[in-house]
Every structure is written in structure tokens, then in C-alpha cells.
Protein backbone atom coordinates (compact mmCIF):
# COMPACT_ATOMS: atom_id res chain seq x y z
CA UNK A 1 -3.41 -0.56 1.30
CA UNK A 2 -2.82 0.41 4.81
CA UNK A 3 -2.94 -3.39 6.05
CA UNK A 4 -0.40 -4.51 3.36
CA UNK A 5 1.83 -1.58 4.82
CA UNK A 6 1.05 -2.57 8.62
CA UNK A 7 1.62 -6.74 7.57
CA UNK A 8 5.34 -5.64 5.91
CA UNK A 9 5.79 -3.65 9.18
CA UNK A 10 5.35 -6.99 11.02
CA UNK A 11 7.38 -8.64 8.88
CA UNK A 12 10.58 -6.41 9.15
CA UNK A 13 13.40 -7.76 11.86
CA UNK A 14 12.71 -6.42 15.24
CA UNK A 15 15.68 -4.23 14.71
CA UNK A 16 14.65 -2.75 11.84
CA UNK A 17 11.34 -1.78 12.77
CA UNK A 18 10.33 1.82 13.27
CA UNK A 19 8.72 2.85 16.24
CA UNK A 20 4.89 3.26 16.34
CA UNK A 21 2.57 5.26 18.62
CA UNK A 22 -0.44 4.23 17.17
CA UNK A 23 -1.60 1.58 14.58
CA UNK A 24 -5.01 1.19 13.94
CA UNK A 25 -7.52 0.56 10.85
CA UNK A 26 -7.20 4.13 9.67
CA UNK A 27 -3.73 5.30 10.39
CA UNK A 28 -0.60 4.45 11.63
CA UNK A 29 1.48 7.17 13.42
CA UNK A 30 5.48 6.38 13.97
CA UNK A 31 7.33 7.77 17.04
CA UNK A 32 8.87 10.44 15.13
CA UNK A 33 5.44 12.20 14.31
CA UNK A 34 5.49 10.91 10.73
CA UNK A 35 2.02 9.47 9.86
CA UNK A 36 0.40 6.84 7.29
CA UNK A 37 -3.42 7.78 6.73
CA UNK A 38 -5.88 5.86 4.83
CA UNK A 39 -9.11 8.22 3.62
CA UNK A 40 -12.02 7.91 1.72
CA UNK A 41 -12.31 9.96 -1.28
CA UNK A 42 -14.27 13.14 -1.14
CA UNK A 43 -13.83 16.99 -1.44
CA UNK A 44 -12.82 17.43 2.11
CA UNK A 45 -10.99 14.31 3.09
CA UNK A 46 -7.54 15.63 3.59
CA UNK A 47 -8.27 19.11 3.87
CA UNK A 48 -5.85 20.69 6.27
CA UNK A 49 -3.19 18.39 6.29
CA UNK A 50 0.37 18.80 4.69
CA UNK A 51 1.04 15.99 2.76
CA UNK A 52 4.52 14.61 1.52
CA UNK A 53 3.76 11.41 -0.70
CA UNK A 54 -0.18 11.28 -1.96
CA UNK A 55 -0.86 7.76 -3.21
CA UNK A 56 -4.07 7.37 -5.05
CA UNK A 57 -5.29 3.62 -5.31
CA UNK A 58 -7.88 2.59 -7.93
CA UNK A 59 -8.18 6.51 -8.90
CA UNK A 60 -9.79 5.25 -11.96
CA UNK A 61 -12.72 4.20 -10.01
CA UNK A 62 -13.64 7.84 -8.35
CA UNK A 63 -16.62 9.45 -8.63
CA UNK A 64 -16.27 12.87 -9.79
CA UNK A 65 -12.49 12.69 -10.09
CA UNK A 66 -11.50 15.98 -11.21
CA UNK A 67 -13.29 17.71 -8.27
CA UNK A 68 -11.49 15.43 -6.06
CA UNK A 69 -8.36 15.96 -7.38
CA UNK A 70 -8.42 19.86 -7.65
CA UNK A 71 -9.49 20.02 -4.04
CA UNK A 72 -6.80 17.62 -2.91
CA UNK A 73 -3.94 18.78 -4.99
CA UNK A 74 -3.14 21.76 -2.67
CA UNK A 75 -2.49 19.88 0.48
CA UNK A 76 0.35 17.90 -1.34
CA UNK A 77 3.48 20.32 -0.53
CA UNK A 78 5.03 21.47 -3.52
CA UNK A 79 8.57 21.90 -2.46
CA UNK A 80 9.21 17.98 -1.59
CA UNK A 81 5.62 16.44 -2.47
CA UNK A 82 4.82 13.74 -4.68
CA UNK A 83 1.97 12.54 -6.13
CA UNK A 84 1.50 9.04 -7.38
CA UNK A 85 -1.71 7.65 -9.06
């Protein structure tokens, strides 16, 4: 998914491209300090982060999905956060 986002950013017209500070295989960090992180599923994979949008790709194939979901759900900011499956 991160590769698709990177490709999209590369094809956006120059004047619309957001400034990026870090662009690598595991994350993209923008000049406004927002970031996109790709992480493997695990009980501690995103613990300690504050997440505004959590996108769970291929979630039907996650082993121990219930455990992962219950450990991950608290990091989604409840005021403005969204969870997409």
C-alpha cells in the first residue's frame, strides 16, 4: 500500500506535491510532521502512536485478529480518528 501512495505522490503535479522529509520503504514523513507508516500486524506494532486514520489491509487474513484489534484500537484518537477495514 505504501508503494502505491509513493507512486501517487510522484505523479501529482509538482505544484501540488506535499514536501517530504523522509521517504523510504517503511514510512513517509511530510514537512508538516504528519506521517504514513506501514507496519506488520502484531500486538505491539503501533503501540504508543497517536493515529488519526488506521487502514487495515487484508485484515481477514490476520492471525489472532481479535487480539490484534483489541491491542491496536486504543491508539486511534477517538475524537477525530477513523478506522477503515
